[in-house]
Each structure stands twice: as structure tokens, then as C-alpha cells.
Amino acid sequence: MLRVLLANEVGPVLLLAYTNQALDHILRAVHSAGVTDKIARLGSRCKDDVVAKFMISNRFKKSTYTKALTEMRQERVNLGKVSVRLETYRS
């Protein structure tokens, strides 16, 4: 049924389950069957490592980490430029 909905561009689709374990089982099956990888899992507990990467909280942590890393790299470049200027003044 999910394949038909997605093939006809009906979505987004909200999947609900009574327990976290049941939801993880459904999402694992959807992902493993290749139905879609556009999954966003809401919730606080996930014991399945494959499904855990789709958790909203993990996605935000990763994007925050990536942003911080980019900023740190830029600061390193800026410090290099300042170092070159200081060396110019020392000479």
C-alpha cells in the first residue's frame, strides 16, 4: 500500500504504531524493501541502529555538528591569514 501511495506521489505519509518497537519494525521493513529512504522518525527511544539514523533528533545533531565543523575550518583559515600578516610585520 505504501509503495502505491509513494508511486502516485501521495504524501507525506504518517505511520503510527502502538509501541516504539512496532514502529521501528515497520520502518526497518520499509527501508530494507527499498520502498523509500525519505524517512523521519519521531520519538525518544529507538533500539534499531538502522532506524535510529532516521530519527529527527539525530539529524539535527549531525547538522549542528557539520555547521560547527565548517565554522571551525573557516576560523583556522582566518588564523592562517593573520599569522602570515604577523610574519610580514616581523620581517
C-alpha atoms as a PDB file:
ATOM      1  CA  MET A   1       0.000   0.000   0.000  1.00  0.00           C
ATOM      2  CA  LEU A   2       2.842   2.385   0.871  1.00  0.00           C
ATOM      3  CA  ARG A   3       4.516   1.668  -2.477  1.00  0.00           C
ATOM      4  CA  VAL A   4       1.304   2.612  -4.301  1.00  0.00           C
ATOM      5  CA  LEU A   5       0.932   5.849  -2.352  1.00  0.00           C
ATOM      6  CA  LEU A   6       4.518   6.903  -2.987  1.00  0.00           C
ATOM      7  CA  ALA A   7       4.408   5.855  -6.657  1.00  0.00           C
ATOM      8  CA  ASN A   8       1.400   8.149  -7.107  1.00  0.00           C
ATOM      9  CA  GLU A   9       3.170  10.955  -5.248  1.00  0.00           C
ATOM     10  CA  VAL A  10       0.693  10.875  -2.396  1.00  0.00           C
ATOM     11  CA  GLY A  11       2.445  12.031   0.709  1.00  0.00           C
ATOM     12  CA  PRO A  12       3.901  12.648   3.094  1.00  0.00           C
ATOM     13  CA  VAL A  13       2.625   9.519   4.801  1.00  0.00           C
ATOM     14  CA  LEU A  14       2.363   9.278   8.573  1.00  0.00           C
ATOM     15  CA  LEU A  15       2.912   5.805  10.009  1.00  0.00           C
ATOM     16  CA  LEU A  16       1.731   5.184  13.547  1.00  0.00           C
ATOM     17  CA  ALA A  17       2.274   2.208  15.805  1.00  0.00           C
ATOM     18  CA  TYR A  18       1.248   1.298  19.314  1.00  0.00           C
ATOM     19  CA  THR A  19       4.833   0.789  20.515  1.00  0.00           C
ATOM     20  CA  ASN A  20       8.276   2.119  19.600  1.00  0.00           C
ATOM     21  CA  GLN A  21       9.378  -1.418  18.779  1.00  0.00           C
ATOM     22  CA  ALA A  22       6.479  -1.890  16.368  1.00  0.00           C
ATOM     23  CA  LEU A  23       7.235   1.419  14.659  1.00  0.00           C
ATOM     24  CA  ASP A  24      10.904   0.504  14.319  1.00  0.00           C
ATOM     25  CA  HIS A  25       9.919  -2.835  12.804  1.00  0.00           C
ATOM     26  CA  ILE A  26       7.674  -1.140  10.219  1.00  0.00           C
ATOM     27  CA  LEU A  27      10.277   1.499   9.318  1.00  0.00           C
ATOM     28  CA  ARG A  28      13.025  -1.137   9.067  1.00  0.00           C
ATOM     29  CA  ALA A  29      10.847  -3.133   6.662  1.00  0.00           C
ATOM     30  CA  VAL A  30      10.088  -0.039   4.565  1.00  0.00           C
ATOM     31  CA  HIS A  31      13.777   0.840   4.341  1.00  0.00           C
ATOM     32  CA  SER A  32      15.007  -2.732   3.760  1.00  0.00           C
ATOM     33  CA  ALA A  33      12.473  -3.309   0.993  1.00  0.00           C
ATOM     34  CA  GLY A  34      13.714  -0.204  -0.782  1.00  0.00           C
ATOM     35  CA  VAL A  35      10.324   1.475  -0.659  1.00  0.00           C
ATOM     36  CA  THR A  36      11.872   4.795   0.372  1.00  0.00           C
ATOM     37  CA  ASP A  37      14.724   6.241   2.353  1.00  0.00           C
ATOM     38  CA  LYS A  38      12.918   9.525   2.926  1.00  0.00           C
ATOM     39  CA  ILE A  39      12.036   8.662   6.493  1.00  0.00           C
ATOM     40  CA  ALA A  40      11.822  10.914   9.524  1.00  0.00           C
ATOM     41  CA  ARG A  41      11.227   9.091  12.790  1.00  0.00           C
ATOM     42  CA  LEU A  42       9.806  10.985  15.746  1.00  0.00           C
ATOM     43  CA  GLY A  43      10.218   9.669  19.246  1.00  0.00           C
ATOM     44  CA  SER A  44      12.698   9.307  22.024  1.00  0.00           C
ATOM     45  CA  ARG A  45      13.705   5.648  22.052  1.00  0.00           C
ATOM     46  CA  CYS A  46      14.962   3.517  19.216  1.00  0.00           C
ATOM     47  CA  LYS A  47      16.806   0.223  19.644  1.00  0.00           C
ATOM     48  CA  ASP A  48      17.332  -0.377  15.916  1.00  0.00           C
ATOM     49  CA  ASP A  49      20.580   1.150  14.608  1.00  0.00           C
ATOM     50  CA  VAL A  50      19.319   1.302  11.014  1.00  0.00           C
ATOM     51  CA  VAL A  51      16.166   3.148  12.007  1.00  0.00           C
ATOM     52  CA  ALA A  52      17.994   5.353  14.536  1.00  0.00           C
ATOM     53  CA  LYS A  53      19.745   7.241  11.740  1.00  0.00           C
ATOM     54  CA  PHE A  54      16.318   8.479  10.613  1.00  0.00           C
ATOM     55  CA  MET A  55      15.431   9.978  13.990  1.00  0.00           C
ATOM     56  CA  ILE A  56      14.818  13.705  13.853  1.00  0.00           C
ATOM     57  CA  SER A  57      16.999  14.268  16.920  1.00  0.00           C
ATOM     58  CA  ASN A  58      19.960  12.523  15.277  1.00  0.00           C
ATOM     59  CA  ARG A  59      19.537  14.501  12.074  1.00  0.00           C
ATOM     60  CA  PHE A  60      19.645  17.807  13.945  1.00  0.00           C
ATOM     61  CA  LYS A  61      22.707  16.785  15.922  1.00  0.00           C
ATOM     62  CA  LYS A  62      24.506  15.900  12.725  1.00  0.00           C
ATOM     63  CA  SER A  63      23.625  19.169  11.005  1.00  0.00           C
ATOM     64  CA  THR A  64      24.700  21.163  14.078  1.00  0.00           C
ATOM     65  CA  TYR A  65      27.972  19.242  14.179  1.00  0.00           C
ATOM     66  CA  THR A  66      28.552  19.832  10.466  1.00  0.00           C
ATOM     67  CA  LYS A  67      27.870  23.551  10.857  1.00  0.00           C
ATOM     68  CA  ALA A  68      30.258  23.821  13.813  1.00  0.00           C
ATOM     69  CA  LEU A  69      32.955  21.923  11.923  1.00  0.00           C
ATOM     70  CA  THR A  70      32.609  24.240   8.917  1.00  0.00           C
ATOM     71  CA  GLU A  71      32.895  27.287  11.169  1.00  0.00           C
ATOM     72  CA  MET A  72      35.995  25.853  12.863  1.00  0.00           C
ATOM     73  CA  ARG A  73      37.645  25.214   9.495  1.00  0.00           C
ATOM     74  CA  GLN A  74      36.935  28.792   8.426  1.00  0.00           C
ATOM     75  CA  GLU A  75      38.434  30.120  11.649  1.00  0.00           C
ATOM     76  CA  ARG A  76      41.546  28.037  11.032  1.00  0.00           C
ATOM     77  CA  VAL A  77      41.874  29.651   7.591  1.00  0.00           C
ATOM     78  CA  ASN A  78      41.396  33.086   9.147  1.00  0.00           C
ATOM     79  CA  LEU A  79      44.071  32.372  11.768  1.00  0.00           C
ATOM     80  CA  GLY A  80      46.451  31.325   8.991  1.00  0.00           C
ATOM     81  CA  LYS A  81      45.911  34.648   7.236  1.00  0.00           C
ATOM     82  CA  VAL A  82      46.549  36.550  10.454  1.00  0.00           C
ATOM     83  CA  SER A  83      49.716  34.519  11.037  1.00  0.00           C
ATOM     84  CA  VAL A  84      51.019  35.429   7.580  1.00  0.00           C
ATOM     85  CA  ARG A  85      50.349  39.123   8.260  1.00  0.00           C
ATOM     86  CA  LEU A  86      52.172  38.934  11.583  1.00  0.00           C
ATOM     87  CA  GLU A  87      55.164  37.313   9.904  1.00  0.00           C
ATOM     88  CA  THR A  88      55.179  40.156   7.364  1.00  0.00           C
ATOM     89  CA  TYR A  89      55.332  42.736  10.156  1.00  0.00           C
ATOM     90  CA  ARG A  90      58.100  40.841  11.963  1.00  0.00           C
ATOM     91  CA  SER A  91      60.332  40.887   8.874  1.00  0.00           C
END
